Amino acid sequence: MSGSLGEIVEAHPRRHLLLAPSGLEEAARFLVNSLLLSHSIRRDTLALVRLGSTILVAPGSRLRQLRPDQESAEGWVRAVLRGKARGLGAIIASPREAALALRGATILTTCNGTASRPGPASLKHPLSIIHSTGTGRCWLHAPCGPSCRAALANIVVDRLLAGLPP
């Protein structure tokens, strides 16, 4: 796999980060919902998951063998952690390497286990979207798990890129 981690981050404009999954099940579900479409992989998307002292980096443009069912996805994560990352298109990095590669990069979703980075405090609805046409920024507040947030963020970006309201 060629290219530095910084180059790989730069090549994927959609970036999702999960800092503290409750376990392999949540990590696998987050990867699936961040990266998979109905019949393919989002090639423009990068998902990063912190698992203990390592960061699993999953660049959509390079991934292979990630399946949507829970058992297969968990097995995929286990295989990556056992050293088969290269054959599956994933990268294992240290937190320091990942932090350096992500410096200055825009992150689409950041989740810390079941709690996400807070958006505007005034949001009270189960699913609230604030879109600022002036800045091009979109805040999404959804009281659901990390994998759901990543999928919803992808849907909002898809709509915005298609010229539709979020």
Protein backbone atom coordinates (compact mmCIF):
# COMPACT_ATOMS: atom_id res chain seq x y z
CA MET A 1 0.00 0.00 0.00
CA SER A 2 1.69 3.20 -1.10
CA GLY A 3 1.24 6.70 0.25
CA SER A 4 1.72 8.15 3.68
CA LEU A 5 -1.12 8.21 6.17
CA GLY A 6 -1.41 11.97 5.65
CA GLU A 7 -1.82 11.48 1.88
CA ILE A 8 -4.46 8.82 2.47
CA VAL A 9 -6.39 11.13 4.82
CA GLU A 10 -6.19 13.95 2.27
CA ALA A 11 -7.47 11.68 -0.53
CA HIS A 12 -10.70 10.93 1.38
CA PRO A 13 -12.85 14.06 1.89
CA ARG A 14 -15.42 12.26 4.08
CA ARG A 15 -13.86 11.30 7.40
CA HIS A 16 -15.51 9.56 10.35
CA LEU A 17 -13.77 9.02 13.70
CA LEU A 18 -14.83 6.74 16.57
CA LEU A 19 -12.69 7.31 19.65
CA ALA A 20 -13.98 4.88 22.27
CA PRO A 21 -16.15 2.06 20.97
CA SER A 22 -17.74 -0.15 23.61
CA GLY A 23 -16.25 -3.19 21.85
CA LEU A 24 -15.61 -4.88 18.53
CA GLU A 25 -19.33 -5.03 17.80
CA GLU A 26 -19.72 -1.24 17.96
CA ALA A 27 -16.47 -0.72 16.02
CA ALA A 28 -17.63 -3.08 13.25
CA ARG A 29 -21.08 -1.47 13.05
CA PHE A 30 -19.47 1.99 12.86
CA LEU A 31 -17.19 0.90 9.99
CA VAL A 32 -20.07 -0.68 8.06
CA ASN A 33 -22.32 2.37 8.41
CA SER A 34 -19.50 4.80 7.63
CA LEU A 35 -18.19 3.02 4.56
CA LEU A 36 -20.78 0.82 2.88
CA LEU A 37 -23.45 1.63 0.32
CA SER A 38 -26.12 -0.88 -0.64
CA HIS A 39 -23.85 -2.73 -3.11
CA SER A 40 -20.43 -1.13 -2.79
CA ILE A 41 -18.00 0.83 -0.65
CA ARG A 42 -17.91 4.64 -0.38
CA ARG A 43 -14.57 5.21 -2.11
CA ASP A 44 -14.35 8.86 -0.95
CA THR A 45 -14.73 7.99 2.75
CA LEU A 46 -12.25 7.24 5.52
CA ALA A 47 -13.20 5.71 8.87
CA LEU A 48 -10.89 5.65 11.87
CA VAL A 49 -11.59 3.64 15.02
CA ARG A 50 -9.49 3.71 18.16
CA LEU A 51 -9.18 0.21 19.60
CA GLY A 52 -7.03 0.30 22.72
CA SER A 53 -3.62 1.68 21.85
CA THR A 54 -4.07 1.38 18.07
CA ILE A 55 -6.06 3.19 15.42
CA LEU A 56 -7.71 1.13 12.71
CA VAL A 57 -7.70 3.26 9.56
CA ALA A 58 -10.14 2.12 6.87
CA PRO A 59 -9.80 4.07 3.60
CA GLY A 60 -12.79 3.32 1.38
CA SER A 61 -10.73 3.57 -1.80
CA ARG A 62 -8.57 0.62 -0.73
CA LEU A 63 -10.85 -1.65 1.27
CA ARG A 64 -11.66 -5.23 0.41
CA GLN A 65 -13.82 -7.90 1.99
CA LEU A 66 -15.83 -5.66 4.37
CA ARG A 67 -19.36 -7.10 4.51
CA PRO A 68 -22.48 -5.52 6.04
CA ASP A 69 -23.52 -8.37 8.34
CA GLN A 70 -22.38 -8.11 11.98
CA GLU A 71 -20.48 -11.41 12.18
CA SER A 72 -18.50 -10.78 8.99
CA ALA A 73 -17.72 -7.19 9.95
CA GLU A 74 -16.51 -8.22 13.42
CA GLY A 75 -14.40 -10.96 11.82
CA TRP A 76 -12.97 -8.37 9.44
CA VAL A 77 -11.96 -6.14 12.38
CA ARG A 78 -10.39 -9.12 14.19
CA ALA A 79 -8.43 -10.07 11.05
CA VAL A 80 -7.13 -6.52 10.71
CA LEU A 81 -6.06 -6.48 14.36
CA ARG A 82 -4.31 -9.87 13.91
CA GLY A 83 -2.06 -8.40 11.25
CA LYS A 84 -4.00 -8.94 8.03
CA ALA A 85 -4.66 -5.21 7.60
CA ARG A 86 -2.65 -4.96 4.40
CA GLY A 87 -4.55 -7.70 2.58
CA LEU A 88 -7.88 -6.14 3.52
CA GLY A 89 -6.90 -2.58 2.59
CA ALA A 90 -6.83 -1.26 6.17
CA ILE A 91 -3.97 0.38 8.03
CA ILE A 92 -3.00 0.11 11.69
CA ALA A 93 -1.55 3.32 13.10
CA SER A 94 -0.58 4.66 16.49
CA PRO A 95 -2.72 7.43 18.00
CA ARG A 96 0.19 9.82 17.45
CA GLU A 97 0.47 8.93 13.75
CA ALA A 98 -3.28 9.34 13.29
CA ALA A 99 -3.34 12.68 15.14
CA LEU A 100 -0.53 14.02 12.94
CA ALA A 101 -2.24 12.80 9.75
CA LEU A 102 -5.58 14.34 10.80
CA ARG A 103 -4.14 17.70 11.84
CA GLY A 104 -6.14 20.38 10.05
CA ALA A 105 -8.44 17.85 8.36
CA THR A 106 -12.20 18.28 8.49
CA ILE A 107 -13.89 15.39 10.28
CA LEU A 108 -17.47 14.66 9.19
CA THR A 109 -18.44 12.84 12.39
CA THR A 110 -16.58 12.39 15.65
CA CYS A 111 -18.02 9.99 18.17
CA ASN A 112 -16.81 8.94 21.58
CA GLY A 113 -18.60 5.66 22.13
CA THR A 114 -22.25 6.39 22.66
CA ALA A 115 -21.69 10.16 23.05
CA SER A 116 -20.80 12.35 20.08
CA ARG A 117 -19.12 15.71 19.89
CA PRO A 118 -21.78 18.20 21.02
CA GLY A 119 -23.42 20.41 18.44
CA PRO A 120 -25.43 23.53 19.16
CA ALA A 121 -26.98 23.23 22.63
CA SER A 122 -30.32 24.61 21.44
CA LEU A 123 -31.17 21.48 19.43
CA LYS A 124 -34.01 19.58 21.06
CA HIS A 125 -35.52 17.44 18.29
CA PRO A 126 -34.69 13.73 17.79
CA LEU A 127 -33.09 14.57 14.45
CA SER A 128 -32.14 18.18 13.84
CA ILE A 129 -30.16 19.55 10.92
CA ILE A 130 -28.90 23.10 10.70
CA HIS A 131 -27.45 24.00 7.33
CA SER A 132 -25.65 27.29 6.78
CA THR A 133 -25.49 28.12 3.10
CA GLY A 134 -23.04 30.94 3.82
CA THR A 135 -20.38 28.72 5.39
CA GLY A 136 -21.33 25.43 3.77
CA ARG A 137 -21.39 23.88 7.24
CA CYS A 138 -24.06 21.52 8.41
CA TRP A 139 -24.68 20.53 12.03
CA LEU A 140 -26.42 17.22 12.57
CA HIS A 141 -27.71 16.33 16.01
CA ALA A 142 -29.08 12.82 16.31
CA PRO A 143 -29.50 11.09 19.67
CA CYS A 144 -28.47 7.69 18.38
CA GLY A 145 -25.36 5.53 18.38
CA PRO A 146 -22.12 6.35 16.54
CA SER A 147 -22.84 4.09 13.56
CA CYS A 148 -26.22 5.75 13.00
CA ARG A 149 -24.60 9.21 13.12
CA ALA A 150 -22.05 8.23 10.49
CA ALA A 151 -24.75 6.88 8.16
CA LEU A 152 -26.93 9.98 8.65
CA ALA A 153 -23.99 12.30 7.99
CA ASN A 154 -23.30 10.46 4.71
CA ILE A 155 -26.95 10.83 3.69
CA VAL A 156 -26.91 14.57 4.44
CA VAL A 157 -23.70 15.04 2.42
CA ASP A 158 -25.15 13.01 -0.46
CA ARG A 159 -28.21 15.27 -0.50
CA LEU A 160 -26.16 18.47 -0.35
CA LEU A 161 -23.91 17.29 -3.18
CA ALA A 162 -27.03 16.53 -5.24
CA GLY A 163 -28.25 20.11 -4.70
CA LEU A 164 -31.04 19.02 -2.36
CA PRO A 165 -31.79 20.40 1.10
CA PRO A 166 -30.32 18.36 3.97
